[in-house]
Amino acid sequence: MTHISRRDFLKVAGVALASLASSPSAFSARRDDNRHPNIIILLCDALSPFHLSLYGYPRQTSPSIDAFASQSTVYHNHYSGGNYTTPATASMLTGMLPWKHRANTIMTRPELIPINPYSLLGTDYFRFAYSQNPWPDRLMGQYYQDIDQFLPPSAYSLLKKDFSSQIKNLFRNDRALADVALNGFMLLSQGESVPTGGAVFGQIHKSQNLNIVDSQKLKNYPQGAPEISNGGYDIIPYLNEMVFSGIYDDLRVMQNQEKPYFAYSHFYSPHFPYRPSQRYLKMFHDDGFAPPEKPSPSFSPNLPKSYIHSQRDMYDRVIAQVDNEMGKLIKKLEENGVLENSYLILTSDHGELFERGFIGHSSLYMYEPVTRIPLIIHAPGQKDRKDVFALTSNTDILPTLLNIAGKQTPPEIDGKILPELGGQPDKDRAVFSMYSVGNSAFMPLSQFAISMRKNNYKLIAYRGHSNVDREYELYDLESDPYELNDIAEKDATMMKKMRDEFLESLMQANKPFERA
């Protein structure tokens, strides 16, 4: 029997559906109007709202997202639970803050694994999971039994063969652990001649990833294809046009099922390395844009300003390309009737920094461009724009999804139902973001950087790091949106109020981890 690949199947399926696709209501033909709506999450890794024209960025980086926002609900003060991928994504998927779920590197606490959208939505929904970034893929590996279609990071990529995924599929029930073991002990890291745990597997892996790219597809990428690095082991080259097209193909197949679906797609771009296609390489060149210079903290690597500015330009160009692909995807979904009965959620896991002598995310940096994230939600049939300025957290995504699906919210969840989607603004709410890589997942927090935003004020607290010259920073974001002036010593009254609330929250978070 001839083997038919997944991509070939999708092509055949696309032809079979072609006659349906010509009608605006094509993919809603089999839809039961009484069923719950579909829920689609499109997450772009490391996408900062401070670099989107939608949120006031001077450069026109996001015209397609701007257009999408004109018929959606736009959240202006939406924060991630973490400043890097794993805790940030875990906060969204569990509805819990990092100091509770403790997914600092890979996994949530074992007793909290059932609290995730795949398990809680249950078999009433067809459940789809795809992350280009290997870290959320490992995280979702804990939910494998409750995911109906689980694609590997290499799906839609330029790899001819993905040896890693083939091996990991042999250990489906322990997908996350198998991934860690495979990449940590068996495969060949960049620059190594012998892998940590086995020369045979390492050399097989190396040989199967030689000549993996069709050079014709790279003719418009003079700097090379964007690529995903799995901590230095697996390198997965991809093109955004292929990835977004592949997601659309899968969504249109899901649309023709009898039951609703939940689809989470985690795109790697605009994450580093910033490699746009030829069309975008000269965009924003010498446009006169000059962001304000900001003071560097004591832990800054103090990278040259010229390098930071050049990388910021490349990042903005990648955003413009991603925006274009996102626009084409949304247009096809709209034309084919998918949005008639679907919530479409566009967001990120964390932002990206090009300031204070630093590039990227993670580390001790808890400033606004890396902790605040975009959130734009289109409800079925929505025609007008709504703007929400209340403080929200990505822990709010899960309870909102459950509310849409008519499901109960578990008491362990920290998040709240989003305003305009069934929830109400909370003027007294504090939202938190956290970095705690060096802290044990099973001990009270003693080494961290945590930000707390409440009303117009933002507190940043540091603990357990010798390279930090202060314990707290405090900013009034209403009068100082760029966090230029630390008022921790100038406003003693507000400092005490914010610090006391933070310490009380920290004490409550640490209680479950304290030894008797």
Protein backbone atom coordinates (compact mmCIF):
# COMPACT_ATOMS: atom_id res chain seq x y z
CA MET A 1 0.00 0.00 0.00
CA THR A 2 1.29 3.46 -0.88
CA HIS A 3 2.09 5.59 2.17
CA ILE A 4 0.24 8.93 2.17
CA SER A 5 1.81 11.65 4.26
CA ARG A 6 -0.19 14.02 6.42
CA ARG A 7 0.50 16.89 4.05
CA ASP A 8 -0.67 14.84 1.05
CA PHE A 9 -3.86 13.99 2.93
CA LEU A 10 -4.54 17.66 3.61
CA LYS A 11 -4.02 18.47 -0.05
CA VAL A 12 -6.54 15.81 -1.06
CA ALA A 13 -8.93 17.01 1.61
CA GLY A 14 -8.55 20.56 0.32
CA VAL A 15 -9.50 19.50 -3.21
CA ALA A 16 -12.49 17.58 -1.89
CA LEU A 17 -13.65 20.67 -0.05
CA ALA A 18 -12.97 23.05 -2.92
CA SER A 19 -16.58 23.20 -4.05
CA LEU A 20 -17.64 24.11 -0.55
CA ALA A 21 -14.95 26.76 -0.26
CA SER A 22 -16.48 28.84 -3.04
CA SER A 23 -19.39 29.79 -0.79
CA PRO A 24 -18.99 32.34 2.05
CA SER A 25 -20.81 29.94 4.35
CA ALA A 26 -18.91 26.93 3.06
CA PHE A 27 -17.46 25.66 6.30
CA SER A 28 -20.56 26.44 8.34
CA ALA A 29 -22.69 24.11 6.24
CA ARG A 30 -22.48 21.26 8.73
CA ARG A 31 -22.55 23.48 11.78
CA ASP A 32 -25.25 22.92 14.38
CA ASP A 33 -26.33 26.42 15.45
CA ASN A 34 -27.16 25.09 18.91
CA ARG A 35 -23.69 23.79 19.62
CA HIS A 36 -21.09 25.71 21.58
CA PRO A 37 -18.82 27.98 19.53
CA ASN A 38 -15.35 26.95 18.42
CA ILE A 39 -12.41 28.50 20.27
CA ILE A 40 -9.25 29.34 18.31
CA ILE A 41 -6.10 30.68 19.99
CA LEU A 42 -3.37 32.10 17.75
CA LEU A 43 -0.33 32.92 19.88
CA CYS A 44 2.77 34.63 18.49
CA ASP A 45 5.82 34.04 20.66
CA ALA A 46 7.62 37.11 22.08
CA LEU A 47 5.18 39.58 20.50
CA SER A 48 5.24 42.83 22.49
CA PRO A 49 2.29 45.25 22.23
CA PHE A 50 4.86 48.05 22.48
CA HIS A 51 5.89 47.13 18.91
CA LEU A 52 2.38 47.00 17.42
CA SER A 53 0.85 50.01 15.70
CA LEU A 54 -2.46 48.81 17.17
CA TYR A 55 -1.22 49.88 20.59
CA GLY A 56 0.31 53.17 19.47
CA TYR A 57 3.75 52.15 18.17
CA PRO A 58 4.92 54.85 15.70
CA ARG A 59 5.96 52.30 13.08
CA GLN A 60 3.17 50.70 11.06
CA THR A 61 4.06 47.14 11.95
CA SER A 62 0.58 45.63 12.24
CA PRO A 63 -1.98 46.93 9.69
CA SER A 64 -3.64 43.51 9.40
CA ILE A 65 -3.98 43.10 13.16
CA ASP A 66 -5.24 46.70 13.33
CA ALA A 67 -7.98 45.78 10.85
CA PHE A 68 -8.85 42.64 12.82
CA ALA A 69 -9.11 44.76 15.98
CA SER A 70 -11.74 46.98 14.34
CA GLN A 71 -14.25 44.17 14.84
CA SER A 72 -12.84 42.73 18.07
CA THR A 73 -12.33 43.45 21.76
CA VAL A 74 -8.90 44.95 22.47
CA TYR A 75 -7.35 44.62 25.93
CA HIS A 76 -4.86 47.37 26.70
CA ASN A 77 -3.50 46.34 30.09
CA HIS A 78 -3.11 42.59 29.72
CA TYR A 79 -0.21 40.91 31.53
CA SER A 80 1.59 37.61 31.26
CA GLY A 81 2.22 35.45 34.31
CA GLY A 82 5.91 35.20 33.37
CA ASN A 83 8.60 36.90 31.32
CA TYR A 84 9.60 33.76 29.41
CA THR A 85 7.73 31.01 27.62
CA THR A 86 7.22 28.11 30.02
CA PRO A 87 5.70 29.87 33.06
CA ALA A 88 3.88 32.32 30.80
CA THR A 89 2.24 29.61 28.69
CA ALA A 90 1.52 27.52 31.78
CA SER A 91 -0.26 30.49 33.36
CA MET A 92 -2.52 30.77 30.32
CA LEU A 93 -3.22 27.04 30.07
CA THR A 94 -3.77 26.45 33.80
CA GLY A 95 -5.31 29.76 34.83
CA MET A 96 -2.83 29.86 37.70
CA LEU A 97 0.10 32.10 38.54
CA PRO A 98 3.64 30.64 38.38
CA TRP A 99 4.00 30.61 42.16
CA LYS A 100 1.17 28.06 42.19
CA HIS A 101 1.63 25.93 39.04
CA ARG A 102 5.48 26.02 39.40
CA ALA A 103 6.20 25.30 35.73
CA ASN A 104 9.49 27.16 35.97
CA THR A 105 11.21 25.01 33.36
CA ILE A 106 8.96 22.26 31.99
CA MET A 107 6.03 20.85 33.97
CA THR A 108 3.31 21.94 36.32
CA ARG A 109 2.90 20.35 39.74
CA PRO A 110 1.62 16.77 39.21
CA GLU A 111 -1.56 17.28 41.24
CA LEU A 112 -2.50 20.25 39.03
CA ILE A 113 -2.11 18.50 35.66
CA PRO A 114 -5.90 17.95 35.21
CA ILE A 115 -6.46 21.71 35.28
CA ASN A 116 -5.98 22.63 31.63
CA PRO A 117 -8.32 23.44 28.72
CA TYR A 118 -7.98 20.04 27.06
CA SER A 119 -9.04 18.06 30.11
CA LEU A 120 -11.67 20.55 31.31
CA LEU A 121 -13.36 21.02 27.94
CA GLY A 122 -13.54 17.25 27.65
CA THR A 123 -14.86 15.20 24.77
CA ASP A 124 -17.58 17.74 24.01
CA TYR A 125 -14.85 19.42 21.97
CA PHE A 126 -12.36 18.23 19.37
CA ARG A 127 -9.04 19.35 20.90
CA PHE A 128 -6.06 20.44 18.80
CA ALA A 129 -2.56 21.36 20.03
CA TYR A 130 0.41 22.70 18.11
CA SER A 131 3.43 24.62 19.32
CA GLN A 132 6.43 25.48 17.19
CA ASN A 133 8.24 26.31 20.41
CA PRO A 134 9.38 23.01 22.00
CA TRP A 135 8.84 24.26 25.57
CA PRO A 136 5.02 24.55 25.38
CA ASP A 137 5.04 21.28 23.43
CA ARG A 138 6.69 19.63 26.43
CA LEU A 139 4.27 21.34 28.80
CA MET A 140 1.25 20.13 26.85
CA GLY A 141 2.77 16.67 26.78
CA GLN A 142 1.33 16.33 30.29
CA TYR A 143 -2.15 16.58 28.75
CA TYR A 144 -1.47 14.13 25.93
CA GLN A 145 -4.33 11.76 26.77
CA ASP A 146 -6.86 14.59 26.44
CA ILE A 147 -5.60 16.02 23.13
CA ASP A 148 -7.23 14.65 19.97
CA GLN A 149 -4.69 16.01 17.49
CA PHE A 150 -1.23 16.86 18.80
CA LEU A 151 1.27 18.08 16.19
CA PRO A 152 5.04 18.22 16.84
CA PRO A 153 7.06 21.46 16.60
CA SER A 154 8.34 20.35 13.20
CA ALA A 155 4.87 20.31 11.62
CA TYR A 156 4.71 22.66 8.60
CA SER A 157 8.50 23.11 8.80
CA LEU A 158 11.23 22.69 6.19
CA LEU A 159 12.46 19.41 7.69
CA LYS A 160 12.23 16.44 5.36
CA LYS A 161 12.44 14.09 8.33
CA ASP A 162 12.12 14.74 12.03
CA PHE A 163 14.02 12.01 13.80
CA SER A 164 13.21 13.43 17.23
CA SER A 165 9.45 13.30 16.72
CA GLN A 166 9.62 9.78 15.35
CA ILE A 167 11.39 8.58 18.50
CA LYS A 168 9.18 10.57 20.88
CA ASN A 169 6.04 9.13 19.30
CA LEU A 170 7.13 5.76 20.65
CA PHE A 171 6.63 7.17 24.16
CA ARG A 172 3.31 8.98 23.74
CA ASN A 173 2.19 8.52 27.33
CA ASP A 174 5.39 10.19 28.55
CA ARG A 175 5.85 12.69 25.76
CA ALA A 176 7.33 15.48 27.90
CA LEU A 177 9.83 13.26 29.72
CA ALA A 178 10.79 11.50 26.49
CA ASP A 179 11.55 14.87 24.89
CA VAL A 180 13.79 15.94 27.76
CA ALA A 181 15.61 12.61 27.85
CA LEU A 182 16.07 12.51 24.08
CA ASN A 183 17.44 16.02 23.73
CA GLY A 184 19.41 15.99 26.94
CA PHE A 185 21.18 12.66 26.61
CA MET A 186 20.88 11.06 23.19
CA LEU A 187 21.06 13.65 20.42
CA LEU A 188 23.92 15.67 19.07
CA SER A 189 24.19 19.24 20.25
CA GLN A 190 25.57 21.99 18.05
CA GLY A 191 29.35 21.95 18.19
CA GLU A 192 29.55 18.43 19.64
CA SER A 193 31.14 15.51 17.86
CA VAL A 194 29.60 12.95 20.25
CA PRO A 195 26.20 13.33 21.93
CA THR A 196 25.95 13.18 25.71
CA GLY A 197 24.29 9.80 25.88
CA GLY A 198 24.84 7.87 22.71
CA ALA A 199 26.99 8.07 19.59
CA VAL A 200 24.68 5.87 17.50
CA PHE A 201 21.50 7.90 18.03
CA GLY A 202 23.39 11.15 17.78
CA GLN A 203 24.98 10.33 14.44
CA ILE A 204 21.68 9.03 13.04
CA HIS A 205 20.07 12.26 14.09
CA LYS A 206 22.86 14.29 12.50
CA SER A 207 22.72 12.39 9.22
CA GLN A 208 18.93 12.61 8.93
CA ASN A 209 19.03 16.38 9.33
CA LEU A 210 21.61 16.96 6.58
CA ASN A 211 20.31 18.67 3.43
CA ILE A 212 16.94 19.18 5.03
CA VAL A 213 16.03 22.38 3.25
CA ASP A 214 14.75 22.84 -0.29
CA SER A 215 16.99 25.69 -1.41
CA GLN A 216 14.34 26.97 -3.84
CA LYS A 217 12.09 27.84 -0.94
CA LEU A 218 14.84 29.96 0.59
CA LYS A 219 15.54 32.19 -2.40
CA ASN A 220 13.64 35.05 -0.76
CA TYR A 221 15.51 34.65 2.54
CA PRO A 222 19.05 36.00 2.05
CA GLN A 223 19.75 35.72 5.79
CA GLY A 224 18.47 32.15 5.94
CA ALA A 225 15.20 30.72 7.13
CA PRO A 226 13.84 31.47 10.60
CA GLU A 227 14.63 28.56 12.86
CA ILE A 228 13.63 27.04 16.16
CA SER A 229 16.31 25.97 18.59
CA ASN A 230 15.53 23.28 21.13
CA GLY A 231 18.16 24.38 23.62
CA GLY A 232 20.89 23.72 21.04
CA TYR A 233 19.93 20.19 19.98
CA ASP A 234 17.16 20.20 17.42
CA ILE A 235 17.25 22.99 14.85
CA ILE A 236 13.96 23.31 12.96
CA PRO A 237 13.97 25.71 9.97
CA TYR A 238 10.59 27.04 8.83
CA LEU A 239 8.87 29.69 6.73
CA ASN A 240 5.96 31.62 8.20
CA GLU A 241 4.00 31.40 4.98
CA MET A 242 4.09 27.59 5.20
CA VAL A 243 3.19 27.53 8.89
CA PHE A 244 0.17 29.85 8.63
CA SER A 245 -1.06 28.03 5.53
CA GLY A 246 -0.74 24.70 7.33
CA ILE A 247 -2.75 25.96 10.29
CA TYR A 248 -5.51 27.12 7.98
CA ASP A 249 -5.64 23.70 6.32
CA ASP A 250 -6.07 22.03 9.70
CA LEU A 251 -8.71 24.51 10.87
CA ARG A 252 -10.83 24.01 7.77
CA VAL A 253 -10.74 20.25 8.28
CA MET A 254 -11.80 20.70 11.93
CA GLN A 255 -14.59 23.06 10.86
CA ASN A 256 -16.41 20.22 9.10
CA GLN A 257 -16.76 18.06 12.18
CA GLU A 258 -20.05 17.61 13.98
CA LYS A 259 -18.79 18.93 17.32
CA PRO A 260 -17.05 22.20 18.16
CA TYR A 261 -13.29 22.39 18.43
CA PHE A 262 -10.66 24.05 20.60
CA ALA A 263 -7.48 24.82 18.64
CA TYR A 264 -4.35 26.26 20.22
CA SER A 265 -1.57 27.23 17.79
CA HIS A 266 1.69 28.63 19.17
CA PHE A 267 3.73 30.33 16.42
CA TYR A 268 7.46 30.84 17.02
CA SER A 269 7.82 34.15 15.17
CA PRO A 270 8.66 36.94 15.92
CA HIS A 271 10.94 35.18 18.42
CA PHE A 272 14.71 35.42 17.84
CA PRO A 273 16.44 34.85 15.44
CA TYR A 274 14.81 37.74 13.58
CA ARG A 275 14.96 36.72 9.92
CA PRO A 276 12.38 38.36 7.66
CA SER A 277 12.10 37.66 3.97
CA GLN A 278 13.63 39.89 1.28
CA ARG A 279 10.42 41.91 0.94
CA TYR A 280 10.75 43.28 4.49
CA LEU A 281 14.52 43.73 4.81
CA LYS A 282 14.53 47.46 4.06
CA MET A 283 11.37 48.30 5.95
CA PHE A 284 11.78 51.05 8.61
CA HIS A 285 15.34 51.73 7.40
CA ASP A 286 16.41 55.28 8.35
CA ASP A 287 12.83 56.26 9.23
CA GLY A 288 13.95 58.59 12.03
CA PHE A 289 12.32 56.56 14.80
CA ALA A 290 14.17 57.09 18.09
CA PRO A 291 12.67 55.52 21.23
CA PRO A 292 13.54 57.11 24.57
CA GLU A 293 16.75 55.99 26.21
CA LYS A 294 16.13 54.19 29.50
CA PRO A 295 18.39 53.66 32.52
CA SER A 296 20.09 50.28 32.77
CA PRO A 297 19.80 48.19 35.94
CA SER A 298 22.83 46.81 37.76
CA PHE A 299 22.37 43.39 36.15
CA SER A 300 22.39 44.72 32.57
CA PRO A 301 24.90 43.21 30.10
CA ASN A 302 25.16 46.72 28.60
CA LEU A 303 25.06 45.68 24.96
CA PRO A 304 26.06 48.39 22.46
CA LYS A 305 23.21 50.74 21.55
CA SER A 306 23.89 50.36 17.84
CA TYR A 307 23.45 46.59 18.09
CA ILE A 308 20.26 46.92 20.12
CA HIS A 309 18.81 49.35 17.57
CA SER A 310 19.70 47.12 14.62
CA GLN A 311 18.09 44.10 16.27
CA ARG A 312 14.99 46.13 17.11
CA ASP A 313 14.67 47.02 13.42
CA MET A 314 14.90 43.34 12.44
CA TYR A 315 12.32 42.40 15.08
CA ASP A 316 9.89 45.03 13.74
CA ARG A 317 10.38 43.68 10.22
CA VAL A 318 9.56 40.14 11.34
CA ILE A 319 6.44 41.46 13.07
CA ALA A 320 5.38 43.12 9.82
CA GLN A 321 5.78 39.82 7.98
CA VAL A 322 3.92 37.86 10.66
CA ASP A 323 1.18 40.49 10.56
CA ASN A 324 0.80 39.97 6.82
CA GLU A 325 0.51 36.20 7.20
CA MET A 326 -1.89 36.60 10.11
CA GLY A 327 -4.01 38.91 8.00
CA LYS A 328 -4.22 36.38 5.16
CA LEU A 329 -5.20 33.64 7.62
CA ILE A 330 -7.92 35.73 9.27
CA LYS A 331 -9.28 36.82 5.89
CA LYS A 332 -9.65 33.20 4.74
CA LEU A 333 -11.32 32.24 8.02
CA GLU A 334 -13.77 35.11 7.61
CA GLU A 335 -14.49 34.43 3.94
CA ASN A 336 -15.15 30.77 4.62
CA GLY A 337 -17.57 31.35 7.48
CA VAL A 338 -15.32 30.07 10.27
CA LEU A 339 -15.73 33.26 12.31
CA GLU A 340 -19.52 32.95 12.28
CA ASN A 341 -19.37 30.48 15.14
CA SER A 342 -15.84 30.86 16.53
CA TYR A 343 -14.06 32.92 19.13
CA LEU A 344 -10.72 33.95 17.63
CA ILE A 345 -8.10 34.95 20.21
CA LEU A 346 -4.84 36.62 19.22
CA THR A 347 -2.23 36.97 21.95
CA SER A 348 1.37 36.24 23.01
CA ASP A 349 3.16 34.46 25.81
CA HIS A 350 5.45 37.39 26.74
CA GLY A 351 6.98 40.45 25.13
CA GLU A 352 10.46 41.42 24.02
CA LEU A 353 12.95 44.07 25.19
CA PHE A 354 15.31 46.29 23.20
CA GLU A 355 16.39 48.67 25.93
CA ARG A 356 18.42 49.08 29.12
CA GLY A 357 21.44 47.38 27.53
CA PHE A 358 19.48 44.17 26.85
CA ILE A 359 17.80 42.28 24.01
CA GLY A 360 15.16 39.60 24.36
CA HIS A 361 13.22 38.37 27.38
CA SER A 362 13.66 36.26 30.53
CA SER A 363 16.41 37.10 33.06
CA LEU A 364 15.50 39.61 35.78
CA TYR A 365 13.85 42.07 33.42
CA MET A 366 10.23 42.69 34.47
CA TYR A 367 9.60 45.94 32.59
CA GLU A 368 6.43 46.65 30.62
CA PRO A 369 7.56 45.69 27.09
CA VAL A 370 8.25 42.12 28.27
CA THR A 371 5.47 41.57 30.85
CA ARG A 372 2.55 43.25 29.08
CA ILE A 373 1.18 41.30 26.13
CA PRO A 374 -1.40 41.88 23.38
CA LEU A 375 -4.88 40.40 23.60
CA ILE A 376 -7.45 40.82 20.84
CA ILE A 377 -10.59 38.66 20.86
CA HIS A 378 -13.19 38.45 18.12
CA ALA A 379 -16.54 36.98 19.23
CA PRO A 380 -18.83 35.22 16.74
CA GLY A 381 -20.46 37.80 14.50
CA GLN A 382 -18.80 40.78 16.22
CA LYS A 383 -18.83 43.89 14.01
CA ASP A 384 -17.70 46.69 16.33
CA ARG A 385 -14.54 47.37 18.27
CA LYS A 386 -14.53 47.41 22.07
CA ASP A 387 -11.61 48.62 24.18
CA VAL A 388 -10.92 47.33 27.69
CA PHE A 389 -8.47 49.25 29.88
CA ALA A 390 -9.03 47.29 33.10
CA LEU A 391 -6.10 45.19 34.36
CA THR A 392 -6.27 41.62 33.07
CA SER A 393 -3.95 38.61 33.24
CA ASN A 394 -3.30 35.70 30.93
CA THR A 395 -4.55 33.53 33.80
CA ASP A 396 -7.97 34.88 32.73
CA ILE A 397 -7.92 32.99 29.42
CA LEU A 398 -8.82 29.55 30.84
CA PRO A 399 -11.82 30.63 32.98
CA THR A 400 -13.07 32.67 30.02
CA LEU A 401 -12.83 29.65 27.70
CA LEU A 402 -14.66 27.50 30.21
CA ASN A 403 -17.39 30.14 30.53
CA ILE A 404 -17.80 30.24 26.74
CA ALA A 405 -18.09 26.45 26.69
CA GLY A 406 -20.58 26.35 29.58
CA LYS A 407 -18.12 24.58 31.89
CA GLN A 408 -17.43 25.13 35.59
CA THR A 409 -14.24 26.85 36.72
CA PRO A 410 -12.17 24.83 39.24
CA PRO A 411 -11.49 26.64 42.54
CA GLU A 412 -7.71 26.34 42.07
CA ILE A 413 -7.78 28.82 39.19
CA ASP A 414 -6.43 32.32 39.94
CA GLY A 415 -7.80 33.98 36.82
CA LYS A 416 -11.14 35.68 36.28
CA ILE A 417 -13.55 35.79 33.36
CA LEU A 418 -12.50 38.62 31.07
CA PRO A 419 -14.56 41.83 30.93
CA GLU A 420 -16.85 42.00 27.87
CA LEU A 421 -16.86 38.19 27.77
CA GLY A 422 -18.92 37.56 30.89
CA GLY A 423 -16.70 39.11 33.57
CA GLN A 424 -16.57 42.52 35.20
CA PRO A 425 -13.63 44.93 35.66
CA ASP A 426 -12.05 44.75 39.11
CA LYS A 427 -10.62 48.13 40.16
CA ASP A 428 -8.93 46.65 43.23
CA ARG A 429 -7.17 43.86 41.37
CA ALA A 430 -3.41 43.30 41.43
CA VAL A 431 -1.79 41.32 38.59
CA PHE A 432 1.56 39.54 38.88
CA SER A 433 4.37 38.43 36.56
CA MET A 434 7.28 36.30 37.72
CA TYR A 435 10.78 35.06 36.94
CA SER A 436 12.14 32.31 39.21
CA VAL A 437 14.38 29.99 37.21
CA GLY A 438 16.79 29.36 40.10
CA ASN A 439 14.11 28.56 42.66
CA SER A 440 13.14 24.99 43.49
CA ALA A 441 9.68 24.13 42.22
CA PHE A 442 8.97 22.45 45.58
CA MET A 443 10.22 25.11 47.99
CA PRO A 444 9.00 28.57 49.06
CA LEU A 445 10.05 31.36 46.72
CA SER A 446 13.35 32.83 47.84
CA GLN A 447 15.01 33.68 44.51
CA PHE A 448 12.94 35.68 42.04
CA ALA A 449 12.01 38.86 40.24
CA ILE A 450 8.28 39.59 40.51
CA SER A 451 6.26 42.52 39.23
CA MET A 452 2.92 43.60 40.71
CA ARG A 453 0.68 46.03 38.84
CA LYS A 454 -2.23 47.64 40.68
CA ASN A 455 -4.16 50.63 39.38
CA ASN A 456 -1.54 52.97 37.92
CA TYR A 457 1.38 51.69 39.97
CA LYS A 458 3.87 48.92 39.33
CA LEU A 459 6.19 47.37 41.90
CA ILE A 460 9.16 45.20 40.92
CA ALA A 461 10.62 43.06 43.72
CA TYR A 462 13.97 41.24 43.62
CA ARG A 463 15.20 38.60 46.01
CA GLY A 464 18.11 36.15 46.11
CA HIS A 465 20.23 37.75 43.35
CA SER A 466 23.65 39.18 44.24
CA ASN A 467 23.88 41.30 41.09
CA VAL A 468 20.84 43.44 41.99
CA ASP A 469 21.59 46.67 43.82
CA ARG A 470 18.06 47.33 45.08
CA GLU A 471 15.23 45.27 46.54
CA TYR A 472 12.33 47.18 45.01
CA GLU A 473 11.49 49.49 42.13
CA LEU A 474 8.24 51.47 41.94
CA TYR A 475 6.75 53.28 38.94
CA ASP A 476 3.68 55.44 38.36
CA LEU A 477 2.71 54.25 34.89
CA GLU A 478 0.13 56.99 34.41
CA SER A 479 2.70 59.78 34.59
CA ASP A 480 5.70 57.62 33.61
CA PRO A 481 4.61 54.99 31.05
CA TYR A 482 8.21 54.29 29.99
CA GLU A 483 9.37 53.44 33.55
CA LEU A 484 12.06 56.09 33.53
CA ASN A 485 11.70 57.32 37.11
CA ASP A 486 11.90 54.91 40.04
CA ILE A 487 9.87 56.47 42.89
CA ALA A 488 10.50 53.75 45.49
CA GLU A 489 12.36 56.25 47.70
CA LYS A 490 10.39 59.35 46.69
CA ASP A 491 6.87 58.16 47.53
CA ALA A 492 7.18 56.37 50.87
CA THR A 493 3.41 56.10 51.40
CA MET A 494 2.67 54.37 48.11
CA MET A 495 5.82 52.27 48.42
CA LYS A 496 4.70 50.91 51.78
CA LYS A 497 1.19 50.20 50.50
CA MET A 498 2.40 48.30 47.44
CA ARG A 499 5.15 46.46 49.33
CA ASP A 500 2.79 45.34 52.11
CA GLU A 501 0.28 43.95 49.62
CA PHE A 502 3.04 42.20 47.68
CA LEU A 503 4.52 40.60 50.82
CA GLU A 504 1.09 39.40 51.93
CA SER A 505 0.50 37.82 48.51
CA LEU A 506 3.96 36.23 48.59
CA MET A 507 3.34 34.81 52.06
CA GLN A 508 0.07 33.22 50.94
CA ALA A 509 1.75 31.79 47.83
CA ASN A 510 4.55 30.25 49.91
CA LYS A 511 2.33 28.60 52.51
CA PRO A 512 1.70 25.35 50.58
CA PHE A 513 5.48 24.85 50.20
CA GLU A 514 6.54 25.48 53.77
CA ARG A 515 7.71 22.48 55.72
CA ALA A 516 6.09 21.83 59.10
